[in-house]
Each structure stands twice: as C-alpha cells, then as structure tokens.
Amino acid sequence: MPSHGISKDEVKRRAEIRAHKAEVRRLDAVRALEANQAERDAEQAKTMRLRALRLAKEADAAKAEAKKPEPVKKARKPRAARSA
C-alpha cells in the first residue's frame, strides 16, 4: 500500500487503530449475541414454567370434575299416568 508521504510509524499507528476498532466491534457483537441468548433462555424458562402451571391446573380441574357425583335424574312417570 503506498504511503503517500506518511511515515512508517503513522501507518503502523493507523493500522493499530483499525485493528482496535475491529476488536471492539467484535466484542460488542459477542456481547449482543450473549444478551440475546440470555433473553431467549429466560423467555423459554418462563414459557416452560407457565405451561407446567397450566397443565397442573388442568389436571386439578379434571380430578375435581371426576370426583363430582353425577346428578341423579328423577324418574319420569309414564305419559299416560301423568295426564290422569
């Protein structure tokens, strides 16, 4: 790369600055990915917890429904006996 009158030290300094900026961007990207993953993990854990609560509630409701005695229907009188 032609230096166009720039000293070797200046070229080296600029290259180091570019490398440092690239490293900072890379680290920011890694942090952002980690934060995103943490959010997804938290959301998945919350979803699993809520699903377990819902399933437990549905199971309790089913048990309660099974324990209820069936309503006893009164025997109806035959039609001929009712009209008399």
N, C-alpha and C. Protein backbone atom coordinates (compact mmCIF):
# COMPACT_ATOMS: atom_id res chain seq x y z
N MET A 1 0.85 -1.17 0.00
CA MET A 1 0.00 0.00 0.00
C MET A 1 0.90 1.24 0.00
N PRO A 2 0.68 2.13 -0.95
CA PRO A 2 1.51 3.33 -0.97
C PRO A 2 1.20 4.22 0.23
N SER A 3 2.23 4.81 0.79
CA SER A 3 2.04 5.61 1.99
C SER A 3 1.86 7.09 1.67
N HIS A 4 2.13 7.52 0.47
CA HIS A 4 1.95 8.90 0.03
C HIS A 4 2.51 9.91 1.03
N GLY A 5 3.73 9.73 1.41
CA GLY A 5 4.39 10.69 2.29
C GLY A 5 4.08 10.50 3.76
N ILE A 6 3.42 9.38 4.14
CA ILE A 6 3.12 9.11 5.54
C ILE A 6 4.24 8.25 6.09
N SER A 7 4.68 8.55 7.27
CA SER A 7 5.78 7.80 7.86
C SER A 7 5.32 6.38 8.22
N LYS A 8 6.30 5.52 8.37
CA LYS A 8 6.01 4.12 8.74
C LYS A 8 5.34 4.06 10.11
N ASP A 9 5.77 4.93 10.99
CA ASP A 9 5.14 4.95 12.32
C ASP A 9 3.66 5.33 12.24
N GLU A 10 3.35 6.29 11.38
CA GLU A 10 1.96 6.72 11.22
C GLU A 10 1.13 5.60 10.59
N VAL A 11 1.70 4.91 9.64
CA VAL A 11 0.99 3.79 9.01
C VAL A 11 0.72 2.71 10.05
N LYS A 12 1.71 2.43 10.87
CA LYS A 12 1.56 1.42 11.92
C LYS A 12 0.51 1.86 12.93
N ARG A 13 0.53 3.13 13.33
CA ARG A 13 -0.44 3.64 14.29
C ARG A 13 -1.86 3.53 13.74
N ARG A 14 -2.05 3.89 12.49
CA ARG A 14 -3.38 3.81 11.88
C ARG A 14 -3.86 2.35 11.78
N ALA A 15 -2.95 1.46 11.46
CA ALA A 15 -3.31 0.03 11.38
C ALA A 15 -3.71 -0.49 12.76
N GLU A 16 -2.98 -0.05 13.79
CA GLU A 16 -3.34 -0.47 15.15
C GLU A 16 -4.70 0.08 15.55
N ILE A 17 -5.00 1.30 15.17
CA ILE A 17 -6.31 1.90 15.47
C ILE A 17 -7.42 1.10 14.78
N ARG A 18 -7.19 0.77 13.49
CA ARG A 18 -8.20 -0.02 12.76
C ARG A 18 -8.39 -1.38 13.40
N ALA A 19 -7.30 -2.02 13.82
CA ALA A 19 -7.39 -3.33 14.45
C ALA A 19 -8.12 -3.23 15.79
N HIS A 20 -7.83 -2.17 16.54
CA HIS A 20 -8.50 -1.97 17.83
C HIS A 20 -10.01 -1.77 17.63
N LYS A 21 -10.37 -0.94 16.67
CA LYS A 21 -11.79 -0.70 16.39
C LYS A 21 -12.49 -2.00 15.96
N ALA A 22 -11.82 -2.80 15.15
CA ALA A 22 -12.39 -4.07 14.72
C ALA A 22 -12.59 -5.00 15.91
N GLU A 23 -11.64 -5.01 16.82
CA GLU A 23 -11.75 -5.86 18.01
C GLU A 23 -12.90 -5.39 18.91
N VAL A 24 -13.05 -4.07 19.06
CA VAL A 24 -14.14 -3.52 19.86
C VAL A 24 -15.49 -3.91 19.24
N ARG A 25 -15.61 -3.79 17.92
CA ARG A 25 -16.85 -4.18 17.24
C ARG A 25 -17.13 -5.67 17.43
N ARG A 26 -16.08 -6.49 17.34
CA ARG A 26 -16.26 -7.93 17.52
C ARG A 26 -16.75 -8.23 18.93
N LEU A 27 -16.15 -7.60 19.93
CA LEU A 27 -16.55 -7.83 21.32
C LEU A 27 -17.99 -7.34 21.56
N ASP A 28 -18.36 -6.21 20.95
CA ASP A 28 -19.73 -5.73 21.07
C ASP A 28 -20.71 -6.72 20.47
N ALA A 29 -20.34 -7.30 19.34
CA ALA A 29 -21.21 -8.28 18.69
C ALA A 29 -21.36 -9.53 19.57
N VAL A 30 -20.27 -9.96 20.18
CA VAL A 30 -20.32 -11.13 21.06
C VAL A 30 -21.22 -10.85 22.26
N ARG A 31 -21.06 -9.65 22.85
CA ARG A 31 -21.92 -9.28 23.99
C ARG A 31 -23.38 -9.22 23.60
N ALA A 32 -23.65 -8.69 22.42
CA ALA A 32 -25.04 -8.59 21.95
C ALA A 32 -25.63 -9.99 21.74
N LEU A 33 -24.85 -10.89 21.17
CA LEU A 33 -25.33 -12.25 20.96
C LEU A 33 -25.59 -12.95 22.30
N GLU A 34 -24.70 -12.73 23.26
CA GLU A 34 -24.88 -13.34 24.58
C GLU A 34 -26.12 -12.79 25.27
N ALA A 35 -26.36 -11.49 25.15
CA ALA A 35 -27.55 -10.88 25.75
C ALA A 35 -28.81 -11.42 25.08
N ASN A 36 -28.76 -11.55 23.77
CA ASN A 36 -29.90 -12.09 23.04
C ASN A 36 -30.18 -13.52 23.47
N GLN A 37 -29.14 -14.32 23.61
CA GLN A 37 -29.31 -15.70 24.04
C GLN A 37 -29.87 -15.77 25.45
N ALA A 38 -29.41 -14.89 26.33
CA ALA A 38 -29.92 -14.87 27.70
C ALA A 38 -31.41 -14.52 27.72
N GLU A 39 -31.82 -13.58 26.88
CA GLU A 39 -33.24 -13.23 26.79
C GLU A 39 -34.06 -14.41 26.30
N ARG A 40 -33.56 -15.10 25.27
CA ARG A 40 -34.28 -16.27 24.75
C ARG A 40 -34.37 -17.37 25.80
N ASP A 41 -33.30 -17.59 26.55
CA ASP A 41 -33.30 -18.61 27.60
C ASP A 41 -34.31 -18.26 28.69
N ALA A 42 -34.35 -16.98 29.08
CA ALA A 42 -35.29 -16.55 30.11
C ALA A 42 -36.73 -16.70 29.62
N GLU A 43 -36.98 -16.35 28.38
CA GLU A 43 -38.33 -16.48 27.82
C GLU A 43 -38.74 -17.95 27.75
N GLN A 44 -37.82 -18.81 27.36
CA GLN A 44 -38.13 -20.24 27.29
C GLN A 44 -38.40 -20.81 28.68
N ALA A 45 -37.62 -20.40 29.67
CA ALA A 45 -37.84 -20.87 31.03
C ALA A 45 -39.20 -20.41 31.55
N LYS A 46 -39.55 -19.16 31.25
CA LYS A 46 -40.85 -18.63 31.68
C LYS A 46 -41.98 -19.40 31.00
N THR A 47 -41.83 -19.67 29.72
CA THR A 47 -42.85 -20.41 28.98
C THR A 47 -43.02 -21.81 29.55
N MET A 48 -41.92 -22.47 29.87
CA MET A 48 -41.99 -23.82 30.44
C MET A 48 -42.66 -23.80 31.81
N ARG A 49 -42.34 -22.78 32.62
CA ARG A 49 -42.95 -22.67 33.95
C ARG A 49 -44.45 -22.43 33.83
N LEU A 50 -44.84 -21.52 32.95
CA LEU A 50 -46.27 -21.24 32.78
C LEU A 50 -47.02 -22.45 32.21
N ARG A 51 -46.38 -23.18 31.32
CA ARG A 51 -47.01 -24.37 30.75
C ARG A 51 -47.23 -25.42 31.84
N ALA A 52 -46.21 -25.60 32.70
CA ALA A 52 -46.34 -26.56 33.79
C ALA A 52 -47.47 -26.16 34.74
N LEU A 53 -47.57 -24.86 35.03
CA LEU A 53 -48.66 -24.39 35.89
C LEU A 53 -50.03 -24.64 35.25
N ARG A 54 -50.11 -24.36 33.94
CA ARG A 54 -51.38 -24.57 33.24
C ARG A 54 -51.76 -26.05 33.23
N LEU A 55 -50.81 -26.91 32.96
CA LEU A 55 -51.10 -28.34 32.92
C LEU A 55 -51.51 -28.85 34.31
N ALA A 56 -50.86 -28.34 35.36
CA ALA A 56 -51.22 -28.74 36.72
C ALA A 56 -52.63 -28.27 37.05
N LYS A 57 -52.96 -27.07 36.65
CA LYS A 57 -54.30 -26.54 36.89
C LYS A 57 -55.35 -27.36 36.15
N GLU A 58 -55.05 -27.71 34.90
CA GLU A 58 -55.99 -28.53 34.13
C GLU A 58 -56.15 -29.91 34.75
N ALA A 59 -55.07 -30.48 35.26
CA ALA A 59 -55.13 -31.79 35.90
C ALA A 59 -55.97 -31.72 37.18
N ASP A 60 -55.78 -30.66 37.96
CA ASP A 60 -56.59 -30.48 39.18
C ASP A 60 -58.06 -30.33 38.84
N ALA A 61 -58.35 -29.58 37.79
CA ALA A 61 -59.74 -29.38 37.37
C ALA A 61 -60.35 -30.71 36.92
N ALA A 62 -59.57 -31.52 36.22
CA ALA A 62 -60.06 -32.81 35.75
C ALA A 62 -60.32 -33.74 36.95
N LYS A 63 -59.44 -33.71 37.95
CA LYS A 63 -59.65 -34.54 39.14
C LYS A 63 -60.90 -34.09 39.89
N ALA A 64 -61.08 -32.78 40.02
CA ALA A 64 -62.25 -32.26 40.72
C ALA A 64 -63.52 -32.64 39.97
N GLU A 65 -63.48 -32.59 38.68
CA GLU A 65 -64.65 -32.95 37.86
C GLU A 65 -64.94 -34.44 38.00
N ALA A 66 -63.92 -35.25 38.09
CA ALA A 66 -64.11 -36.69 38.22
C ALA A 66 -64.69 -37.05 39.59
N LYS A 67 -64.39 -36.26 40.61
CA LYS A 67 -64.87 -36.55 41.96
C LYS A 67 -66.33 -36.15 42.15
N LYS A 68 -66.84 -35.25 41.30
CA LYS A 68 -68.22 -34.81 41.43
C LYS A 68 -69.16 -35.97 41.16
N PRO A 69 -70.15 -36.16 42.02
CA PRO A 69 -71.12 -37.20 41.73
C PRO A 69 -72.01 -36.76 40.57
N GLU A 70 -72.41 -37.73 39.79
CA GLU A 70 -73.29 -37.40 38.67
C GLU A 70 -74.66 -37.04 39.20
N PRO A 71 -75.30 -36.05 38.65
CA PRO A 71 -76.63 -35.68 39.13
C PRO A 71 -77.61 -36.82 38.87
N VAL A 72 -78.44 -37.06 39.87
CA VAL A 72 -79.42 -38.14 39.75
C VAL A 72 -80.66 -37.57 39.07
N LYS A 73 -81.05 -38.21 38.00
CA LYS A 73 -82.25 -37.77 37.30
C LYS A 73 -83.46 -38.43 37.94
N LYS A 74 -84.48 -37.64 38.11
CA LYS A 74 -85.71 -38.20 38.65
C LYS A 74 -86.39 -39.03 37.57
N ALA A 75 -86.92 -40.13 38.01
CA ALA A 75 -87.63 -40.98 37.06
C ALA A 75 -88.93 -40.28 36.68
N ARG A 76 -89.20 -40.24 35.42
CA ARG A 76 -90.43 -39.60 34.96
C ARG A 76 -91.55 -40.64 34.93
N LYS A 77 -92.67 -40.16 35.22
CA LYS A 77 -93.84 -41.04 35.15
C LYS A 77 -94.18 -41.25 33.69
N PRO A 78 -94.71 -42.40 33.38
CA PRO A 78 -95.14 -42.63 32.00
C PRO A 78 -96.17 -41.56 31.61
N ARG A 79 -96.27 -41.26 30.35
CA ARG A 79 -97.15 -40.21 29.84
C ARG A 79 -98.61 -40.46 30.23
N ALA A 80 -99.02 -41.66 30.14
CA ALA A 80 -100.43 -41.98 30.45
C ALA A 80 -100.71 -41.72 31.92
N ALA A 81 -99.79 -41.96 32.80
CA ALA A 81 -100.00 -41.76 34.23
C ALA A 81 -99.99 -40.27 34.58
N ARG A 82 -99.30 -39.44 33.80
CA ARG A 82 -99.23 -38.02 34.10
C ARG A 82 -100.54 -37.30 33.75
N SER A 83 -101.20 -37.72 32.73
CA SER A 83 -102.38 -37.00 32.30
C SER A 83 -103.60 -37.34 33.15
N ALA A 84 -103.53 -38.33 33.94
CA ALA A 84 -104.69 -38.72 34.74
C ALA A 84 -104.87 -37.93 35.96
